[in-house]
Amino acid sequence: MDLRHLRYVVAAARNGSFSAAGHELNVRQPIISKRIREIEDELGVFLFDRSTAGARLTPTGEEFVVGARRIVDAFQRLSDRAKASGAGKTGRIAVGFYKSMSSGCFRAALKSFREKFPGVEVELMEASYIELKAGIMSGAIDLAIVLGDTGKTELLDSMALWSAQLFVALPEDHPLAEKSNIYWPELKGERFLISHDDPGPDIRNVLLRHLAGPSDHPEIVMRQLSRESILSEVGSGQGIGLQCEGASGGAVQGVVFRPVHDGNGGIRLGYIACWRPDNTNPVLKNFFDMLRCAD
């Protein structure tokens, strides 16, 4: 006796006829009849009373079909779950990102993914780039979203995502606070407060690329502070800061945000997704698709 035999019994009981069961299962009626007879011979009991009007369950058959239906339904649920898991519709994915990252694109993609794939558990991890890369290499993290170009992640596959506008955070009484856009030459000689936490080092490199001339004289102060604490220092007049779009979205007392421009327009910094090339988690593909839609 196997699962196929049980399916035939359940279908015959549901339809009250071997021929109707065969039609439902797309199997010839003699095969249905033969397989059910095999079960009866194996058990030494009759499950159906046969007549020209059809097939009716015996009392023993009624009891048997209750258990058979449970087994068939349980196997179908198991099969459906396995297919869903293989298609990345159920399971788990661990996604890492910078502690200070608050990208609207990332949040939108995450919300859409959770709505479309409620059977997938998404575990979020905030960490530095070094910690995120180590997590990916160890298998603790499936995917990390970081600031930078695709060539940044050695030994990892990567995919370019969206970009974010760069803003300067100014004390509200700063002379530049009245301007709608800020250009790099206007920031010469300023005191910049940058967090040691990622993406602080990346933003510092951007700053140095644009203000590296002998006459620029930027003062760069690296602090072991969170984004919120850096902005609090800016509001108290201790210097100015640079923030990515999204991180500048919330109101901070005493601080105004202005987009940074060069001769080609606003400065934008790119984000990438990175992962181990041998990661076989089927959920990854569906998460990639959602990230692309958020671009």
C-alpha atoms as a PDB file:
ATOM      1  CA  MET A   1       0.000   0.000   0.000  1.00  0.00           C
ATOM      2  CA  ASP A   2       1.338   3.443  -0.887  1.00  0.00           C
ATOM      3  CA  LEU A   3       0.123   7.045  -1.081  1.00  0.00           C
ATOM      4  CA  ARG A   4      -1.277   6.492  -4.576  1.00  0.00           C
ATOM      5  CA  HIS A   5      -3.586   3.749  -3.269  1.00  0.00           C
ATOM      6  CA  LEU A   6      -4.848   6.063  -0.530  1.00  0.00           C
ATOM      7  CA  ARG A   7      -5.553   8.801  -3.078  1.00  0.00           C
ATOM      8  CA  TYR A   8      -7.691   6.362  -5.072  1.00  0.00           C
ATOM      9  CA  VAL A   9      -9.689   5.351  -1.994  1.00  0.00           C
ATOM     10  CA  VAL A  10     -10.297   8.979  -0.971  1.00  0.00           C
ATOM     11  CA  ALA A  11     -11.316   9.986  -4.501  1.00  0.00           C
ATOM     12  CA  ALA A  12     -13.653   6.996  -4.858  1.00  0.00           C
ATOM     13  CA  ALA A  13     -15.264   7.764  -1.494  1.00  0.00           C
ATOM     14  CA  ARG A  14     -15.697  11.425  -2.428  1.00  0.00           C
ATOM     15  CA  ASN A  15     -17.239  10.662  -5.817  1.00  0.00           C
ATOM     16  CA  GLY A  16     -19.196   7.521  -4.888  1.00  0.00           C
ATOM     17  CA  SER A  17     -17.912   5.864  -8.052  1.00  0.00           C
ATOM     18  CA  PHE A  18     -14.679   4.312  -9.320  1.00  0.00           C
ATOM     19  CA  SER A  19     -15.231   5.736 -12.795  1.00  0.00           C
ATOM     20  CA  ALA A  20     -15.839   9.264 -11.422  1.00  0.00           C
ATOM     21  CA  ALA A  21     -12.711   8.938  -9.293  1.00  0.00           C
ATOM     22  CA  GLY A  22     -10.757   7.925 -12.380  1.00  0.00           C
ATOM     23  CA  HIS A  23     -12.075  10.952 -14.242  1.00  0.00           C
ATOM     24  CA  GLU A  24     -11.062  13.261 -11.384  1.00  0.00           C
ATOM     25  CA  LEU A  25      -7.549  11.805 -11.184  1.00  0.00           C
ATOM     26  CA  ASN A  26      -7.191  11.325 -14.937  1.00  0.00           C
ATOM     27  CA  VAL A  27      -6.706   7.568 -14.437  1.00  0.00           C
ATOM     28  CA  ARG A  28      -8.605   4.793 -16.206  1.00  0.00           C
ATOM     29  CA  GLN A  29     -11.407   3.242 -14.130  1.00  0.00           C
ATOM     30  CA  PRO A  30     -10.009  -0.336 -14.250  1.00  0.00           C
ATOM     31  CA  ILE A  31      -6.782   0.899 -12.643  1.00  0.00           C
ATOM     32  CA  ILE A  32      -8.726   2.557  -9.804  1.00  0.00           C
ATOM     33  CA  SER A  33     -10.712  -0.630  -9.272  1.00  0.00           C
ATOM     34  CA  LYS A  34      -7.603  -2.811  -9.348  1.00  0.00           C
ATOM     35  CA  ARG A  35      -5.615  -0.709  -6.876  1.00  0.00           C
ATOM     36  CA  ILE A  36      -8.492  -0.521  -4.384  1.00  0.00           C
ATOM     37  CA  ARG A  37      -8.930  -4.291  -4.660  1.00  0.00           C
ATOM     38  CA  GLU A  38      -5.196  -4.647  -3.862  1.00  0.00           C
ATOM     39  CA  ILE A  39      -5.674  -2.653  -0.660  1.00  0.00           C
ATOM     40  CA  GLU A  40      -8.679  -4.756   0.338  1.00  0.00           C
ATOM     41  CA  ASP A  41      -6.750  -7.966  -0.307  1.00  0.00           C
ATOM     42  CA  GLU A  42      -3.824  -6.678   1.734  1.00  0.00           C
ATOM     43  CA  LEU A  43      -6.064  -5.686   4.638  1.00  0.00           C
ATOM     44  CA  GLY A  44      -8.423  -8.665   4.338  1.00  0.00           C
ATOM     45  CA  VAL A  45     -11.504  -6.402   4.457  1.00  0.00           C
ATOM     46  CA  PHE A  46     -13.932  -4.767   2.012  1.00  0.00           C
ATOM     47  CA  LEU A  47     -13.783  -0.985   1.875  1.00  0.00           C
ATOM     48  CA  PHE A  48     -16.532  -0.543  -0.715  1.00  0.00           C
ATOM     49  CA  ASP A  49     -19.816  -2.209  -1.599  1.00  0.00           C
ATOM     50  CA  ARG A  50     -19.872  -2.340  -5.380  1.00  0.00           C
ATOM     51  CA  SER A  51     -23.060  -2.115  -7.408  1.00  0.00           C
ATOM     52  CA  THR A  52     -24.266  -0.880 -10.765  1.00  0.00           C
ATOM     53  CA  ALA A  53     -25.201   2.375  -9.000  1.00  0.00           C
ATOM     54  CA  GLY A  54     -21.606   2.956  -7.944  1.00  0.00           C
ATOM     55  CA  ALA A  55     -19.382   2.253  -4.943  1.00  0.00           C
ATOM     56  CA  ARG A  56     -20.467   2.891  -1.371  1.00  0.00           C
ATOM     57  CA  LEU A  57     -18.194   2.738   1.648  1.00  0.00           C
ATOM     58  CA  THR A  58     -18.626  -0.136   4.078  1.00  0.00           C
ATOM     59  CA  PRO A  59     -18.526   0.692   7.811  1.00  0.00           C
ATOM     60  CA  THR A  60     -14.894  -0.428   7.811  1.00  0.00           C
ATOM     61  CA  GLY A  61     -14.286   1.695   4.717  1.00  0.00           C
ATOM     62  CA  GLU A  62     -15.792   4.757   6.372  1.00  0.00           C
ATOM     63  CA  GLU A  63     -13.356   4.429   9.262  1.00  0.00           C
ATOM     64  CA  PHE A  64     -10.437   3.725   6.921  1.00  0.00           C
ATOM     65  CA  VAL A  65     -11.087   6.700   4.638  1.00  0.00           C
ATOM     66  CA  VAL A  66     -10.987   9.146   7.588  1.00  0.00           C
ATOM     67  CA  GLY A  67      -7.378   8.188   8.295  1.00  0.00           C
ATOM     68  CA  ALA A  68      -6.516   7.967   4.597  1.00  0.00           C
ATOM     69  CA  ARG A  69      -7.819  11.495   4.009  1.00  0.00           C
ATOM     70  CA  ARG A  70      -5.684  12.840   6.865  1.00  0.00           C
ATOM     71  CA  ILE A  71      -2.578  11.214   5.402  1.00  0.00           C
ATOM     72  CA  VAL A  72      -3.280  12.500   1.884  1.00  0.00           C
ATOM     73  CA  ASP A  73      -3.993  16.034   3.149  1.00  0.00           C
ATOM     74  CA  ALA A  74      -0.893  16.042   5.365  1.00  0.00           C
ATOM     75  CA  PHE A  75       1.294  14.928   2.464  1.00  0.00           C
ATOM     76  CA  GLN A  76      -0.197  17.649   0.246  1.00  0.00           C
ATOM     77  CA  ARG A  77       0.551  20.298   2.850  1.00  0.00           C
ATOM     78  CA  LEU A  78       4.084  18.960   3.209  1.00  0.00           C
ATOM     79  CA  SER A  79       4.509  18.991  -0.558  1.00  0.00           C
ATOM     80  CA  ASP A  80       3.163  22.541  -0.839  1.00  0.00           C
ATOM     81  CA  ARG A  81       5.524  23.760   1.895  1.00  0.00           C
ATOM     82  CA  ALA A  82       8.501  22.117   0.218  1.00  0.00           C
ATOM     83  CA  LYS A  83       7.618  23.696  -3.133  1.00  0.00           C
ATOM     84  CA  ALA A  84       7.144  27.093  -1.500  1.00  0.00           C
ATOM     85  CA  SER A  85      10.484  26.762   0.277  1.00  0.00           C
ATOM     86  CA  GLY A  86      12.217  25.791  -2.941  1.00  0.00           C
ATOM     87  CA  ALA A  87      10.686  28.833  -4.640  1.00  0.00           C
ATOM     88  CA  GLY A  88      11.849  31.128  -1.830  1.00  0.00           C
ATOM     89  CA  LYS A  89       8.296  31.787  -0.601  1.00  0.00           C
ATOM     90  CA  THR A  90       8.953  30.425   2.874  1.00  0.00           C
ATOM     91  CA  GLY A  91      12.049  30.197   5.032  1.00  0.00           C
ATOM     92  CA  ARG A  92      14.389  32.791   6.478  1.00  0.00           C
ATOM     93  CA  ILE A  93      16.783  35.456   5.262  1.00  0.00           C
ATOM     94  CA  ALA A  94      19.256  37.485   7.338  1.00  0.00           C
ATOM     95  CA  VAL A  95      19.854  40.994   5.988  1.00  0.00           C
ATOM     96  CA  GLY A  96      22.590  43.258   7.345  1.00  0.00           C
ATOM     97  CA  PHE A  97      23.020  47.007   6.996  1.00  0.00           C
ATOM     98  CA  TYR A  98      24.838  49.930   8.571  1.00  0.00           C
ATOM     99  CA  LYS A  99      23.732  51.047  12.025  1.00  0.00           C
ATOM    100  CA  SER A 100      23.247  54.596  10.773  1.00  0.00           C
ATOM    101  CA  MET A 101      21.507  53.687   7.518  1.00  0.00           C
ATOM    102  CA  SER A 102      17.941  54.872   7.107  1.00  0.00           C
ATOM    103  CA  SER A 103      17.428  54.609   3.368  1.00  0.00           C
ATOM    104  CA  GLY A 104      13.866  55.069   2.222  1.00  0.00           C
ATOM    105  CA  CYS A 105      14.474  52.684  -0.700  1.00  0.00           C
ATOM    106  CA  PHE A 106      15.640  49.930   1.633  1.00  0.00           C
ATOM    107  CA  ARG A 107      12.674  50.375   3.967  1.00  0.00           C
ATOM    108  CA  ALA A 108      10.242  50.380   1.032  1.00  0.00           C
ATOM    109  CA  ALA A 109      11.780  47.198  -0.412  1.00  0.00           C
ATOM    110  CA  LEU A 110      11.663  45.504   2.986  1.00  0.00           C
ATOM    111  CA  LYS A 111       7.995  46.418   3.487  1.00  0.00           C
ATOM    112  CA  SER A 112       7.039  45.186   0.007  1.00  0.00           C
ATOM    113  CA  PHE A 113       8.940  41.926   0.476  1.00  0.00           C
ATOM    114  CA  ARG A 114       7.249  41.177   3.800  1.00  0.00           C
ATOM    115  CA  GLU A 115       3.833  41.870   2.290  1.00  0.00           C
ATOM    116  CA  LYS A 116       4.459  39.635  -0.735  1.00  0.00           C
ATOM    117  CA  PHE A 117       6.208  36.814   1.156  1.00  0.00           C
ATOM    118  CA  PRO A 118       4.626  36.634   4.625  1.00  0.00           C
ATOM    119  CA  GLY A 119       5.962  33.095   5.015  1.00  0.00           C
ATOM    120  CA  VAL A 120       9.575  34.314   5.051  1.00  0.00           C
ATOM    121  CA  GLU A 121      11.150  35.443   8.306  1.00  0.00           C
ATOM    122  CA  VAL A 122      13.404  38.455   7.692  1.00  0.00           C
ATOM    123  CA  GLU A 123      16.068  38.891  10.358  1.00  0.00           C
ATOM    124  CA  LEU A 124      17.690  42.337  10.355  1.00  0.00           C
ATOM    125  CA  MET A 125      21.204  42.991  11.674  1.00  0.00           C
ATOM    126  CA  GLU A 126      22.824  46.409  12.140  1.00  0.00           C
ATOM    127  CA  ALA A 127      26.628  46.389  12.125  1.00  0.00           C
ATOM    128  CA  SER A 128      29.760  47.937  10.651  1.00  0.00           C
ATOM    129  CA  TYR A 129      31.015  46.994   7.188  1.00  0.00           C
ATOM    130  CA  ILE A 130      33.739  44.762   8.629  1.00  0.00           C
ATOM    131  CA  GLU A 131      31.224  42.947  10.824  1.00  0.00           C
ATOM    132  CA  LEU A 132      28.763  42.606   7.958  1.00  0.00           C
ATOM    133  CA  LYS A 133      31.401  41.149   5.649  1.00  0.00           C
ATOM    134  CA  ALA A 134      32.509  38.696   8.340  1.00  0.00           C
ATOM    135  CA  GLY A 135      28.876  37.700   8.873  1.00  0.00           C
ATOM    136  CA  ILE A 136      28.411  36.991   5.180  1.00  0.00           C
ATOM    137  CA  MET A 137      31.619  34.955   4.974  1.00  0.00           C
ATOM    138  CA  SER A 138      30.597  32.876   8.003  1.00  0.00           C
ATOM    139  CA  GLY A 139      27.078  32.324   6.668  1.00  0.00           C
ATOM    140  CA  ALA A 140      25.389  34.187   9.538  1.00  0.00           C
ATOM    141  CA  ILE A 141      24.183  36.878   7.101  1.00  0.00           C
ATOM    142  CA  ASP A 142      22.719  36.155   3.667  1.00  0.00           C
ATOM    143  CA  LEU A 143      22.877  39.668   2.269  1.00  0.00           C
ATOM    144  CA  ALA A 144      24.297  43.047   3.297  1.00  0.00           C
ATOM    145  CA  ILE A 145      23.438  46.500   1.995  1.00  0.00           C
ATOM    146  CA  VAL A 146      26.323  48.933   2.221  1.00  0.00           C
ATOM    147  CA  LEU A 147      27.525  52.203   0.742  1.00  0.00           C
ATOM    148  CA  GLY A 148      30.027  51.956  -2.102  1.00  0.00           C
ATOM    149  CA  ASP A 149      30.722  50.571  -5.574  1.00  0.00           C
ATOM    150  CA  THR A 150      30.464  46.943  -6.666  1.00  0.00           C
ATOM    151  CA  GLY A 151      34.258  46.551  -6.636  1.00  0.00           C
ATOM    152  CA  LYS A 152      34.327  47.211  -2.900  1.00  0.00           C
ATOM    153  CA  THR A 153      33.461  43.686  -1.795  1.00  0.00           C
ATOM    154  CA  GLU A 154      36.348  41.305  -2.462  1.00  0.00           C
ATOM    155  CA  LEU A 155      35.419  37.590  -2.513  1.00  0.00           C
ATOM    156  CA  LEU A 156      31.718  38.530  -2.578  1.00  0.00           C
ATOM    157  CA  ASP A 157      29.211  38.989  -5.365  1.00  0.00           C
ATOM    158  CA  SER A 158      27.592  42.401  -5.455  1.00  0.00           C
ATOM    159  CA  MET A 159      24.826  44.295  -7.191  1.00  0.00           C
ATOM    160  CA  ALA A 160      24.407  48.041  -7.612  1.00  0.00           C
ATOM    161  CA  LEU A 161      21.232  49.371  -6.013  1.00  0.00           C
ATOM    162  CA  TRP A 162      19.967  52.917  -5.578  1.00  0.00           C
ATOM    163  CA  SER A 163      21.821  56.121  -4.849  1.00  0.00           C
ATOM    164  CA  ALA A 164      21.243  58.710  -2.134  1.00  0.00           C
ATOM    165  CA  GLN A 165      21.665  62.478  -2.163  1.00  0.00           C
ATOM    166  CA  LEU A 166      24.418  63.833   0.082  1.00  0.00           C
ATOM    167  CA  PHE A 167      23.341  66.559   2.508  1.00  0.00           C
ATOM    168  CA  VAL A 168      25.308  68.890   4.739  1.00  0.00           C
ATOM    169  CA  ALA A 169      23.956  69.279   8.267  1.00  0.00           C
ATOM    170  CA  LEU A 170      24.370  72.853   9.511  1.00  0.00           C
ATOM    171  CA  PRO A 171      23.577  74.697  12.738  1.00  0.00           C
ATOM    172  CA  GLU A 172      20.455  76.731  12.011  1.00  0.00           C
ATOM    173  CA  ASP A 173      22.378  79.985  12.614  1.00  0.00           C
ATOM    174  CA  HIS A 174      25.193  79.038  10.201  1.00  0.00           C
ATOM    175  CA  PRO A 175      25.742  81.578   7.388  1.00  0.00           C
ATOM    176  CA  LEU A 176      25.112  78.862   4.777  1.00  0.00           C
ATOM    177  CA  ALA A 177      21.782  77.828   6.314  1.00  0.00           C
ATOM    178  CA  GLU A 178      19.959  80.442   4.235  1.00  0.00           C
ATOM    179  CA  LYS A 179      21.082  78.838   0.946  1.00  0.00           C
ATOM    180  CA  SER A 180      18.985  76.169  -0.791  1.00  0.00           C
ATOM    181  CA  ASN A 181      22.049  74.311  -2.186  1.00  0.00           C
ATOM    182  CA  ILE A 182      25.613  74.141  -0.895  1.00  0.00           C
ATOM    183  CA  TYR A 183      28.654  73.861  -3.198  1.00  0.00           C
ATOM    184  CA  TRP A 184      31.953  72.299  -2.167  1.00  0.00           C
ATOM    185  CA  PRO A 185      34.007  75.517  -2.367  1.00  0.00           C
ATOM    186  CA  GLU A 186      31.635  77.043   0.194  1.00  0.00           C
ATOM    187  CA  LEU A 187      32.670  74.360   2.694  1.00  0.00           C
ATOM    188  CA  LYS A 188      36.375  75.213   2.701  1.00  0.00           C
ATOM    189  CA  GLY A 189      37.762  75.689   6.166  1.00  0.00           C
ATOM    190  CA  GLU A 190      34.756  74.162   7.912  1.00  0.00           C
ATOM    191  CA  ARG A 191      34.981  71.801  10.874  1.00  0.00           C
ATOM    192  CA  PHE A 192      33.357  68.470   9.943  1.00  0.00           C
ATOM    193  CA  LEU A 193      32.075  66.028  12.547  1.00  0.00           C
ATOM    194  CA  ILE A 194      32.137  62.475  11.179  1.00  0.00           C
ATOM    195  CA  SER A 195      31.145  59.269  12.960  1.00  0.00           C
ATOM    196  CA  HIS A 196      33.555  56.353  13.200  1.00  0.00           C
ATOM    197  CA  ASP A 197      30.521  54.135  12.509  1.00  0.00           C
ATOM    198  CA  ASP A 198      29.833  53.219   8.900  1.00  0.00           C
ATOM    199  CA  PRO A 199      29.189  54.882   6.561  1.00  0.00           C
ATOM    200  CA  GLY A 200      31.237  57.595   8.309  1.00  0.00           C
ATOM    201  CA  PRO A 201      34.596  56.491   6.812  1.00  0.00           C
ATOM    202  CA  ASP A 202      33.052  56.402   3.319  1.00  0.00           C
ATOM    203  CA  ILE A 203      31.680  59.911   3.740  1.00  0.00           C
ATOM    204  CA  ARG A 204      35.081  61.069   4.988  1.00  0.00           C
ATOM    205  CA  ASN A 205      36.652  59.754   1.772  1.00  0.00           C
ATOM    206  CA  VAL A 206      34.068  61.654  -0.300  1.00  0.00           C
ATOM    207  CA  LEU A 207      34.878  64.795   1.658  1.00  0.00           C
ATOM    208  CA  LEU A 208      38.607  64.409   1.059  1.00  0.00           C
ATOM    209  CA  ARG A 209      38.092  63.850  -2.670  1.00  0.00           C
ATOM    210  CA  HIS A 210      36.300  67.163  -2.983  1.00  0.00           C
ATOM    211  CA  LEU A 211      38.204  69.236  -0.439  1.00  0.00           C
ATOM    212  CA  ALA A 212      41.771  67.991  -0.794  1.00  0.00           C
ATOM    213  CA  GLY A 213      43.348  71.147  -2.228  1.00  0.00           C
ATOM    214  CA  PRO A 214      46.114  73.006  -0.346  1.00  0.00           C
ATOM    215  CA  SER A 215      43.797  75.945   0.261  1.00  0.00           C
ATOM    216  CA  ASP A 216      40.751  73.964   1.359  1.00  0.00           C
ATOM    217  CA  HIS A 217      41.845  73.308   4.971  1.00  0.00           C
ATOM    218  CA  PRO A 218      38.896  71.158   6.092  1.00  0.00           C
ATOM    219  CA  GLU A 219      39.087  70.084   9.734  1.00  0.00           C
ATOM    220  CA  ILE A 220      37.790  66.532  10.014  1.00  0.00           C
ATOM    221  CA  VAL A 221      36.961  65.316  13.510  1.00  0.00           C
ATOM    222  CA  MET A 222      36.137  61.624  13.815  1.00  0.00           C
ATOM    223  CA  ARG A 223      33.990  60.776  16.819  1.00  0.00           C
ATOM    224  CA  GLN A 224      32.777  57.495  18.299  1.00  0.00           C
ATOM    225  CA  LEU A 225      29.228  58.807  18.212  1.00  0.00           C
ATOM    226  CA  SER A 226      25.953  57.731  16.644  1.00  0.00           C
ATOM    227  CA  ARG A 227      24.334  59.683  13.845  1.00  0.00           C
ATOM    228  CA  GLU A 228      21.902  61.233  16.336  1.00  0.00           C
ATOM    229  CA  SER A 229      24.703  62.337  18.654  1.00  0.00           C
ATOM    230  CA  ILE A 230      26.692  63.821  15.748  1.00  0.00           C
ATOM    231  CA  LEU A 231      23.650  65.868  14.756  1.00  0.00           C
ATOM    232  CA  SER A 232      23.173  66.961  18.351  1.00  0.00           C
ATOM    233  CA  GLU A 233      26.757  68.246  18.329  1.00  0.00           C
ATOM    234  CA  VAL A 234      26.066  70.060  15.064  1.00  0.00           C
ATOM    235  CA  GLY A 235      22.997  71.687  16.621  1.00  0.00           C
ATOM    236  CA  SER A 236      25.093  72.919  19.535  1.00  0.00           C
ATOM    237  CA  GLY A 237      27.526  74.620  17.152  1.00  0.00           C
ATOM    238  CA  GLN A 238      30.462  72.209  17.411  1.00  0.00           C
ATOM    239  CA  GLY A 239      30.804  71.821  13.649  1.00  0.00           C
ATOM    240  CA  ILE A 240      28.901  70.626  10.578  1.00  0.00           C
ATOM    241  CA  GLY A 241      28.154  67.132   9.294  1.00  0.00           C
ATOM    242  CA  LEU A 242      27.505  65.189   6.110  1.00  0.00           C
ATOM    243  CA  GLN A 243      24.544  62.838   5.922  1.00  0.00           C
ATOM    244  CA  CYS A 244      22.992  60.622   3.274  1.00  0.00           C
ATOM    245  CA  GLU A 245      19.456  61.197   2.097  1.00  0.00           C
ATOM    246  CA  GLY A 246      17.034  59.396   4.377  1.00  0.00           C
ATOM    247  CA  ALA A 247      19.259  59.926   7.395  1.00  0.00           C
ATOM    248  CA  SER A 248      18.482  63.633   6.987  1.00  0.00           C
ATOM    249  CA  GLY A 249      14.734  63.098   6.921  1.00  0.00           C
ATOM    250  CA  GLY A 250      13.976  63.565  10.620  1.00  0.00           C
ATOM    251  CA  ALA A 251      13.802  66.970  12.264  1.00  0.00           C
ATOM    252  CA  VAL A 252      16.668  67.676  14.661  1.00  0.00           C
ATOM    253  CA  GLN A 253      16.490  70.682  16.932  1.00  0.00           C
ATOM    254  CA  GLY A 254      18.879  73.432  15.858  1.00  0.00           C
ATOM    255  CA  VAL A 255      19.939  71.633  12.639  1.00  0.00           C
ATOM    256  CA  VAL A 256      19.084  72.284   8.986  1.00  0.00           C
ATOM    257  CA  PHE A 257      19.925  70.047   6.018  1.00  0.00           C
ATOM    258  CA  ARG A 258      20.993  71.327   2.612  1.00  0.00           C
ATOM    259  CA  PRO A 259      21.933  69.244  -0.492  1.00  0.00           C
ATOM    260  CA  VAL A 260      25.585  69.309  -1.535  1.00  0.00           C
ATOM    261  CA  HIS A 261      26.301  70.130  -5.197  1.00  0.00           C
ATOM    262  CA  ASP A 262      29.242  70.285  -7.546  1.00  0.00           C
ATOM    263  CA  GLY A 263      29.398  71.547 -11.117  1.00  0.00           C
ATOM    264  CA  ASN A 264      27.337  68.597 -12.344  1.00  0.00           C
ATOM    265  CA  GLY A 265      24.534  68.856  -9.813  1.00  0.00           C
ATOM    266  CA  GLY A 266      23.756  67.114  -6.554  1.00  0.00           C
ATOM    267  CA  ILE A 267      26.259  64.676  -5.077  1.00  0.00           C
ATOM    268  CA  ARG A 268      24.842  61.150  -4.891  1.00  0.00           C
ATOM    269  CA  LEU A 269      26.368  58.126  -3.160  1.00  0.00           C
ATOM    270  CA  GLY A 270      25.581  54.603  -4.349  1.00  0.00           C
ATOM    271  CA  TYR A 271      24.471  51.602  -2.324  1.00  0.00           C
ATOM    272  CA  ILE A 272      25.221  47.975  -3.173  1.00  0.00           C
ATOM    273  CA  ALA A 273      23.998  44.582  -2.045  1.00  0.00           C
ATOM    274  CA  CYS A 274      26.657  41.928  -1.436  1.00  0.00           C
ATOM    275  CA  TRP A 275      26.494  38.209  -0.711  1.00  0.00           C
ATOM    276  CA  ARG A 276      28.513  35.003  -0.891  1.00  0.00           C
ATOM    277  CA  PRO A 277      28.556  33.577  -4.425  1.00  0.00           C
ATOM    278  CA  ASP A 278      27.867  30.068  -3.092  1.00  0.00           C
ATOM    279  CA  ASN A 279      24.818  31.087  -1.037  1.00  0.00           C
ATOM    280  CA  THR A 280      22.001  28.716  -2.076  1.00  0.00           C
ATOM    281  CA  ASN A 281      19.200  30.265   0.011  1.00  0.00           C
ATOM    282  CA  PRO A 282      16.238  30.306  -2.445  1.00  0.00           C
ATOM    283  CA  VAL A 283      14.810  33.371  -0.681  1.00  0.00           C
ATOM    284  CA  LEU A 284      17.708  35.483  -1.980  1.00  0.00           C
ATOM    285  CA  LYS A 285      16.400  35.716  -5.542  1.00  0.00           C
ATOM    286  CA  ASN A 286      13.025  37.026  -4.412  1.00  0.00           C
ATOM    287  CA  PHE A 287      14.709  39.565  -2.142  1.00  0.00           C
ATOM    288  CA  PHE A 288      16.944  40.696  -5.032  1.00  0.00           C
ATOM    289  CA  ASP A 289      13.871  41.205  -7.201  1.00  0.00           C
ATOM    290  CA  MET A 290      12.296  43.425  -4.553  1.00  0.00           C
ATOM    291  CA  LEU A 291      15.488  45.453  -4.164  1.00  0.00           C
ATOM    292  CA  ARG A 292      15.585  46.066  -7.924  1.00  0.00           C
ATOM    293  CA  CYS A 293      11.986  47.270  -7.883  1.00  0.00           C
ATOM    294  CA  ALA A 294      12.856  49.757  -5.137  1.00  0.00           C
ATOM    295  CA  ASP A 295      15.586  51.356  -7.247  1.00  0.00           C
END
